[in-house]
Amino acid sequence: MTTCTTAADTLLCTAATPMAATGGEGALDVLLWVVLPYVALVMFIGGHIWRYRYDKFGWTTRSSQLYESRLLRIGSPLFHFGILVVIIGHVVGLLIPKSWTEAAGISEGAYHVTAVVLGTIAGFCTLAGAAILVYRRRTVGPVFSATTKNDKFMYLVLVLTIVLGLAATVAANVVGETYDYRTTISPWFREIFSFQPDPAGMSGAPLLFQLHALSALLLFAVWPFTRLVHMLTAPVGYLTRPYVVYRSRDAHLGSRAPRRGWERTK
């Protein structure tokens, strides 16, 4: 009997004997919830390394603020506020085990109400901000001209992920029967980093949660090749950058008097 001790062995074992290695799960579940997450993870990490080495000057948001600022002042803060809360919520919900929050004195009911209320508000803020930004790119001529096919695909995947996540939250916790993803999806997610993912956690999840996870994996796979790379950048260099020196070109500094009509005004 072969023993799977490393990450590579785990993938080989699950691919070779999917029914035995995953407790009765099919080959499709192994492909979606064991193989695909590692493909996305490799592309996410390797893509950023490649982008930083060979496309440093392209590591930018390609800001379009000069073309239009009114809609940007509304949509950008709304989107960034919402996505920040969404990311924090995902970190808490996926990475922190349920037993830890209970040990900290947070009851399941309090956690559930807080997560649903904040998650729903943040989701709608994120979606509204994204809608304004997409509308701006489509209706403002110069901004639309500066939008590449890469940007369009990125916006499509990003909005799809947001919509599916919001729909899953509302369907499973507001209009439908409560679904505790922290007992199924969260363990599966943490097991990815311990190289022992059990696809049963995702294969038994509601369809909207599965679609949201698949769209998120696609988003992370294409992330390094889009303008989203700016989220991993911090302007640390500004703290140590030397001062910019501005020099005045007063008339008395030159040897030639200014022409008539070009004298400095007081």
Protein backbone atom coordinates (compact mmCIF):
# COMPACT_ATOMS: atom_id res chain seq x y z
CA MET A 1 0.00 0.00 0.00
CA THR A 2 1.43 3.37 -1.06
CA THR A 3 1.80 6.04 1.62
CA CYS A 4 1.17 9.65 0.64
CA THR A 5 3.57 11.82 2.63
CA THR A 6 4.27 14.84 0.43
CA ALA A 7 2.09 17.24 -1.56
CA ALA A 8 3.09 15.61 -4.83
CA ASP A 9 2.32 12.14 -3.44
CA THR A 10 -1.07 13.34 -2.25
CA LEU A 11 -2.01 14.62 -5.70
CA LEU A 12 -0.77 11.41 -7.36
CA CYS A 13 -2.63 9.20 -4.91
CA THR A 14 -5.90 11.08 -5.22
CA ALA A 15 -5.62 11.13 -9.00
CA ALA A 16 -4.81 7.42 -9.18
CA THR A 17 -7.41 6.21 -6.67
CA PRO A 18 -10.03 8.94 -6.33
CA MET A 19 -12.73 6.73 -4.83
CA ALA A 20 -10.50 5.31 -2.11
CA ALA A 21 -8.45 8.41 -1.37
CA THR A 22 -11.38 10.75 -1.00
CA GLY A 23 -13.89 8.56 0.78
CA GLY A 24 -16.12 7.79 -2.21
CA GLU A 25 -15.82 11.06 -4.12
CA GLY A 26 -15.76 10.93 -7.90
CA ALA A 27 -13.01 11.95 -10.27
CA LEU A 28 -14.76 15.22 -11.12
CA ASP A 29 -14.83 16.23 -7.45
CA VAL A 30 -11.12 15.44 -7.15
CA LEU A 31 -10.42 17.54 -10.24
CA LEU A 32 -12.49 20.50 -9.04
CA TRP A 33 -11.71 20.53 -5.33
CA VAL A 34 -8.21 18.99 -5.13
CA VAL A 35 -6.36 19.60 -8.40
CA LEU A 36 -7.87 22.93 -9.49
CA PRO A 37 -7.09 24.81 -6.23
CA TYR A 38 -3.39 23.94 -6.56
CA VAL A 39 -3.38 24.99 -10.21
CA ALA A 40 -4.85 28.36 -9.20
CA LEU A 41 -2.39 28.67 -6.31
CA VAL A 42 0.62 27.94 -8.53
CA MET A 43 -0.57 30.45 -11.13
CA PHE A 44 -1.23 33.06 -8.43
CA ILE A 45 2.23 32.79 -6.87
CA GLY A 46 4.21 32.03 -10.01
CA GLY A 47 2.36 34.67 -12.01
CA HIS A 48 3.25 37.41 -9.53
CA ILE A 49 6.89 36.36 -9.53
CA TRP A 50 6.97 36.37 -13.33
CA ARG A 51 5.14 39.72 -13.53
CA TYR A 52 7.51 41.36 -11.06
CA ARG A 53 10.60 40.09 -12.87
CA TYR A 54 9.57 40.83 -16.44
CA ASP A 55 6.88 43.51 -16.25
CA LYS A 56 7.74 45.90 -13.43
CA PHE A 57 6.66 48.93 -15.43
CA GLY A 58 3.31 47.27 -16.09
CA TRP A 59 2.72 46.67 -12.36
CA THR A 60 0.19 49.47 -12.08
CA THR A 61 -3.53 50.21 -11.94
CA ARG A 62 -3.30 52.28 -15.13
CA SER A 63 -5.26 55.02 -13.39
CA SER A 64 -7.88 56.83 -15.48
CA GLN A 65 -8.58 59.61 -13.00
CA LEU A 66 -7.36 62.25 -15.44
CA TYR A 67 -10.12 61.27 -17.87
CA GLU A 68 -13.02 61.37 -15.40
CA SER A 69 -13.20 61.89 -11.65
CA ARG A 70 -16.85 62.47 -10.66
CA LEU A 71 -18.03 58.86 -10.95
CA LEU A 72 -14.63 57.62 -9.76
CA ARG A 73 -14.98 59.55 -6.49
CA ILE A 74 -18.21 57.66 -5.81
CA GLY A 75 -17.54 54.19 -7.17
CA SER A 76 -13.94 53.67 -6.07
CA PRO A 77 -14.36 54.30 -2.30
CA LEU A 78 -17.61 52.32 -2.29
CA PHE A 79 -15.97 49.35 -4.00
CA HIS A 80 -12.77 49.42 -1.94
CA PHE A 81 -14.63 49.77 1.37
CA GLY A 82 -16.90 46.87 0.51
CA ILE A 83 -14.15 44.59 -0.79
CA LEU A 84 -12.01 45.26 2.30
CA VAL A 85 -14.82 44.14 4.61
CA VAL A 86 -15.50 41.14 2.35
CA ILE A 87 -11.84 40.08 2.49
CA ILE A 88 -11.75 40.41 6.29
CA GLY A 89 -14.94 38.37 6.52
CA HIS A 90 -13.50 35.64 4.32
CA VAL A 91 -10.29 35.54 6.36
CA VAL A 92 -12.24 35.15 9.60
CA GLY A 93 -14.73 32.67 8.20
CA LEU A 94 -12.31 30.45 6.26
CA LEU A 95 -9.06 30.58 8.20
CA ILE A 96 -10.22 30.79 11.82
CA PRO A 97 -11.76 27.49 13.03
CA LYS A 98 -15.21 27.54 14.56
CA SER A 99 -13.84 26.21 17.85
CA TRP A 100 -11.56 29.24 18.18
CA THR A 101 -14.38 31.80 18.00
CA GLU A 102 -16.42 29.74 20.46
CA ALA A 103 -13.43 29.58 22.82
CA ALA A 104 -13.19 33.38 22.57
CA GLY A 105 -16.73 33.65 23.88
CA ILE A 106 -18.44 34.38 20.55
CA SER A 107 -21.60 32.31 20.31
CA GLU A 108 -22.71 30.74 17.05
CA GLY A 109 -25.79 32.95 16.94
CA ALA A 110 -23.83 36.17 17.45
CA TYR A 111 -21.26 35.15 14.85
CA HIS A 112 -23.96 34.20 12.36
CA VAL A 113 -25.93 37.45 12.71
CA THR A 114 -22.78 39.59 12.51
CA ALA A 115 -21.42 37.70 9.50
CA VAL A 116 -24.71 37.84 7.60
CA VAL A 117 -25.42 41.52 8.30
CA LEU A 118 -21.89 42.79 7.61
CA GLY A 119 -21.40 40.39 4.70
CA THR A 120 -24.64 41.42 3.02
CA ILE A 121 -23.98 45.15 3.46
CA ALA A 122 -20.38 44.83 2.29
CA GLY A 123 -21.44 42.67 -0.65
CA PHE A 124 -23.98 45.21 -1.84
CA CYS A 125 -21.46 48.06 -1.39
CA THR A 126 -18.89 46.14 -3.40
CA LEU A 127 -21.37 45.30 -6.13
CA ALA A 128 -22.69 48.89 -6.30
CA GLY A 129 -19.16 50.28 -6.49
CA ALA A 130 -18.20 47.79 -9.20
CA ALA A 131 -21.35 48.64 -11.16
CA ILE A 132 -20.49 52.36 -11.06
CA LEU A 133 -16.91 51.68 -12.16
CA VAL A 134 -18.05 49.42 -15.02
CA TYR A 135 -20.67 51.99 -16.08
CA ARG A 136 -17.99 54.67 -16.03
CA ARG A 137 -15.67 52.61 -18.22
CA ARG A 138 -18.44 51.91 -20.71
CA THR A 139 -19.93 55.41 -20.99
CA VAL A 140 -16.92 57.74 -20.66
CA GLY A 141 -15.18 57.81 -24.04
CA PRO A 142 -11.53 58.27 -23.00
CA VAL A 143 -11.86 55.72 -20.19
CA PHE A 144 -13.46 53.21 -22.56
CA SER A 145 -10.68 53.76 -25.09
CA ALA A 146 -8.10 53.00 -22.39
CA THR A 147 -9.88 49.76 -21.42
CA THR A 148 -8.18 46.64 -22.77
CA LYS A 149 -9.62 43.17 -23.44
CA ASN A 150 -7.70 42.04 -20.37
CA ASP A 151 -9.57 44.64 -18.28
CA LYS A 152 -12.94 43.52 -19.65
CA PHE A 153 -12.25 39.87 -18.81
CA MET A 154 -11.01 40.82 -15.35
CA TYR A 155 -14.14 42.87 -14.63
CA LEU A 156 -16.33 40.00 -15.86
CA VAL A 157 -14.70 37.44 -13.54
CA LEU A 158 -14.57 39.89 -10.61
CA VAL A 159 -18.23 40.90 -10.87
CA LEU A 160 -19.27 37.26 -11.37
CA THR A 161 -17.43 36.26 -8.19
CA ILE A 162 -19.03 39.11 -6.21
CA VAL A 163 -22.54 38.34 -7.50
CA LEU A 164 -22.23 34.61 -6.77
CA GLY A 165 -20.85 35.25 -3.28
CA LEU A 166 -23.63 37.71 -2.46
CA ALA A 167 -26.26 35.38 -3.90
CA ALA A 168 -24.92 32.45 -1.88
CA THR A 169 -24.99 34.51 1.33
CA VAL A 170 -28.53 35.76 0.78
CA ALA A 171 -29.91 32.42 -0.45
CA ALA A 172 -28.37 30.35 2.33
CA ASN A 173 -28.84 32.71 5.27
CA VAL A 174 -31.64 35.16 4.49
CA VAL A 175 -34.28 33.60 2.23
CA GLY A 176 -33.37 29.93 2.59
CA GLU A 177 -32.36 27.43 5.21
CA THR A 178 -29.23 28.38 7.18
CA TYR A 179 -26.08 26.73 5.90
CA ASP A 180 -23.02 26.56 8.17
CA TYR A 181 -20.09 26.75 5.75
CA ARG A 182 -17.61 26.72 8.65
CA THR A 183 -18.16 23.00 9.16
CA THR A 184 -17.62 22.02 5.51
CA ILE A 185 -16.07 24.65 3.23
CA SER A 186 -13.74 26.20 5.81
CA PRO A 187 -12.04 22.90 6.76
CA TRP A 188 -11.63 22.09 3.06
CA PHE A 189 -10.00 25.48 2.46
CA ARG A 190 -7.58 25.10 5.36
CA GLU A 191 -6.73 21.56 4.28
CA ILE A 192 -5.45 22.91 0.96
CA PHE A 193 -2.53 24.52 2.80
CA SER A 194 -1.81 21.35 4.75
CA PHE A 195 -1.83 19.40 1.45
CA GLN A 196 -4.66 17.14 2.60
CA PRO A 197 -7.79 18.57 0.94
CA ASP A 198 -10.94 16.49 1.30
CA PRO A 199 -13.28 17.28 -1.60
CA ALA A 200 -16.27 16.07 0.42
CA GLY A 201 -16.46 19.46 2.12
CA MET A 202 -17.13 21.20 -1.19
CA SER A 203 -18.94 18.47 -3.09
CA GLY A 204 -21.74 18.53 -0.50
CA ALA A 205 -22.02 22.34 -0.41
CA PRO A 206 -24.95 24.17 -2.07
CA LEU A 207 -24.52 24.90 -5.77
CA LEU A 208 -24.13 28.66 -5.32
CA PHE A 209 -21.25 28.14 -2.90
CA GLN A 210 -19.57 25.77 -5.37
CA LEU A 211 -19.96 28.25 -8.24
CA HIS A 212 -18.64 31.05 -6.03
CA ALA A 213 -15.58 28.95 -5.14
CA LEU A 214 -14.91 28.07 -8.79
CA SER A 215 -15.19 31.70 -9.90
CA ALA A 216 -12.87 32.71 -7.05
CA LEU A 217 -10.30 30.12 -8.16
CA LEU A 218 -10.49 31.49 -11.71
CA LEU A 219 -10.07 35.03 -10.37
CA PHE A 220 -6.96 34.08 -8.39
CA ALA A 221 -5.52 32.26 -11.43
CA VAL A 222 -5.78 35.34 -13.70
CA TRP A 223 -5.06 37.85 -10.92
CA PRO A 224 -1.28 38.27 -11.58
CA PHE A 225 -1.90 39.09 -15.24
CA THR A 226 -4.38 41.91 -14.62
CA ARG A 227 -4.39 45.34 -13.00
CA LEU A 228 -5.39 43.65 -9.72
CA VAL A 229 -1.68 43.23 -8.93
CA HIS A 230 -1.76 46.73 -7.44
CA MET A 231 -3.53 45.29 -4.37
CA LEU A 232 -0.24 43.64 -3.37
CA THR A 233 1.70 46.88 -3.68
CA ALA A 234 2.37 49.40 -0.91
CA PRO A 235 4.07 52.80 -1.49
CA VAL A 236 6.83 52.02 1.01
CA GLY A 237 9.41 53.79 -1.16
CA TYR A 238 7.74 57.13 -0.52
CA LEU A 239 8.97 56.99 3.09
CA THR A 240 12.66 56.99 2.06
CA ARG A 241 12.44 58.84 -1.27
CA PRO A 242 14.59 61.99 -1.43
CA TYR A 243 12.92 65.36 -1.63
CA VAL A 244 11.98 66.75 -5.01
CA VAL A 245 13.82 70.05 -5.51
CA TYR A 246 12.01 72.79 -7.44
CA ARG A 247 14.06 75.69 -8.78
CA SER A 248 12.64 79.07 -9.71
CA ARG A 249 13.58 80.75 -12.99
CA ASP A 250 13.37 84.36 -11.81
CA ALA A 251 14.34 87.09 -14.22
CA HIS A 252 17.34 88.22 -12.19
CA LEU A 253 18.90 84.76 -12.43
CA GLY A 254 19.35 85.02 -16.20
CA SER A 255 21.67 87.25 -18.23
CA ARG A 256 18.94 88.36 -20.64
CA ALA A 257 16.07 90.65 -19.70
CA PRO A 258 12.57 89.31 -20.36
CA ARG A 259 10.82 90.46 -23.50
CA ARG A 260 8.11 93.06 -23.33
CA GLY A 261 4.84 91.50 -22.23
CA TRP A 262 6.59 88.57 -20.58
CA GLU A 263 7.52 90.31 -17.33
CA ARG A 264 6.62 88.54 -14.07
CA THR A 265 3.44 89.67 -12.39
CA LYS A 266 3.38 90.42 -8.71
